Amino acid sequence: NSNRLNNQSPCQLGTYQPFSGQSECVEADQGYYVEVEGASHQIECLKGTYQPLAGQSECVEADQGYYVEIDESSNQNPCPSGQNNLQNGSISINSCFNVDIR
């Protein structure tokens, strides 16, 4: 029935479907997101961002004291012990610096 196909709903935010005519959508993987309805693919989180959950519509910026140095990351990395950084979205361990403890 072509009538049923015409009544299909587009995939919602956080989901996608690469093949036409399917009845179900696929959740975006960890480290990826889908920001528009009706998407045919997921988008990787870029350096400085991550996404620990599946089925999300955006990536999360790395917090202060953390960094994300690879694309498609599902977690952020803490600066080494005794080090910190003061910016969100850091992309390298090189952004971490020694903290003076007095």
Protein backbone atom coordinates (compact mmCIF):
# COMPACT_ATOMS: atom_id res chain seq x y z
CA ASN A 1 0.00 0.00 0.00
CA SER A 2 1.53 3.27 -1.10
CA ASN A 3 -0.87 5.07 1.25
CA ARG A 4 0.95 3.66 4.28
CA LEU A 5 4.31 4.79 2.91
CA ASN A 6 3.02 8.33 2.43
CA ASN A 7 2.00 8.46 6.10
CA GLN A 8 5.45 7.66 7.43
CA SER A 9 6.83 10.09 9.97
CA PRO A 10 10.33 11.50 9.60
CA CYS A 11 12.95 10.33 12.08
CA GLN A 12 13.04 12.56 15.15
CA LEU A 13 16.04 14.46 16.55
CA GLY A 14 18.73 12.05 17.73
CA THR A 15 17.69 9.38 15.22
CA TYR A 16 18.25 8.72 11.52
CA GLN A 17 17.52 6.20 8.76
CA PRO A 18 19.95 5.76 5.86
CA PHE A 19 17.52 3.67 3.79
CA SER A 20 14.20 4.86 2.37
CA GLY A 21 10.95 3.01 3.06
CA GLN A 22 11.95 1.79 6.51
CA SER A 23 9.50 1.68 9.42
CA GLU A 24 12.01 2.35 12.21
CA CYS A 25 14.74 4.89 12.87
CA VAL A 26 18.23 4.26 14.24
CA GLU A 27 19.47 6.07 17.35
CA ALA A 28 22.65 8.09 16.92
CA ASP A 29 25.62 6.27 18.47
CA GLN A 30 27.65 7.52 21.43
CA GLY A 31 30.11 10.10 20.07
CA TYR A 32 27.60 11.14 17.39
CA TYR A 33 24.43 13.24 17.12
CA VAL A 34 21.53 14.02 14.78
CA GLU A 35 20.34 17.63 14.89
CA VAL A 36 17.52 17.62 12.32
CA GLU A 37 14.35 15.61 11.76
CA GLY A 38 14.31 13.24 8.79
CA ALA A 39 18.10 12.77 8.76
CA SER A 40 19.72 10.03 6.68
CA HIS A 41 22.99 9.95 8.66
CA GLN A 42 24.53 10.74 12.02
CA ILE A 43 27.26 13.36 12.55
CA GLU A 44 30.41 12.77 14.61
CA CYS A 45 31.22 14.95 17.59
CA LEU A 46 34.38 16.91 16.81
CA LYS A 47 37.47 17.50 18.95
CA GLY A 48 36.63 19.48 22.07
CA THR A 49 33.16 17.89 22.25
CA TYR A 50 31.78 14.48 23.19
CA GLN A 51 28.49 12.63 23.62
CA PRO A 52 28.25 9.84 26.24
CA LEU A 53 24.65 8.90 25.37
CA ALA A 54 23.01 7.39 22.29
CA GLY A 55 20.10 9.11 20.53
CA GLN A 56 21.15 12.70 21.16
CA SER A 57 20.70 15.87 19.09
CA GLU A 58 23.94 17.65 20.05
CA CYS A 59 27.42 17.13 21.45
CA VAL A 60 28.62 18.35 24.83
CA GLU A 61 31.54 20.76 25.10
CA ALA A 62 34.46 19.53 27.23
CA ASP A 63 34.30 21.07 30.72
CA GLN A 64 36.99 23.18 32.34
CA GLY A 65 39.69 20.83 33.61
CA TYR A 66 39.02 18.36 30.78
CA TYR A 67 39.83 17.96 27.08
CA VAL A 68 38.70 15.86 24.09
CA GLU A 69 41.42 15.30 21.49
CA ILE A 70 39.68 12.93 19.06
CA ASP A 71 36.54 13.08 16.92
CA GLU A 72 33.66 10.68 17.70
CA SER A 73 34.42 10.70 21.43
CA SER A 74 31.94 9.43 24.01
CA ASN A 75 33.85 10.87 26.97
CA GLN A 76 36.08 13.74 28.08
CA ASN A 77 39.55 13.27 29.56
CA PRO A 78 40.58 14.95 32.82
CA CYS A 79 43.75 17.02 32.97
CA PRO A 80 46.52 15.11 34.77
CA SER A 81 46.67 15.33 38.56
CA GLY A 82 47.93 18.74 39.67
CA GLN A 83 46.94 20.33 36.36
CA ASN A 84 43.90 22.27 35.17
CA ASN A 85 42.62 24.33 32.25
CA LEU A 86 40.22 27.24 32.40
CA GLN A 87 38.35 26.87 29.13
CA ASN A 88 35.50 24.76 27.84
CA GLY A 89 35.98 22.80 24.63
CA SER A 90 39.72 22.12 25.03
CA ILE A 91 41.09 19.82 22.32
CA SER A 92 44.47 18.84 23.75
CA ILE A 93 46.24 17.82 26.93
CA ASN A 94 48.56 20.73 26.06
CA SER A 95 45.81 23.09 27.25
CA CYS A 96 46.30 21.74 30.79
CA PHE A 97 48.78 23.60 32.97
CA ASN A 98 50.35 23.10 36.40
CA VAL A 99 48.35 24.50 39.28
CA ASP A 100 50.32 26.32 41.97
CA ILE A 101 49.28 25.05 45.38
CA ARG A 102 50.44 27.41 48.09
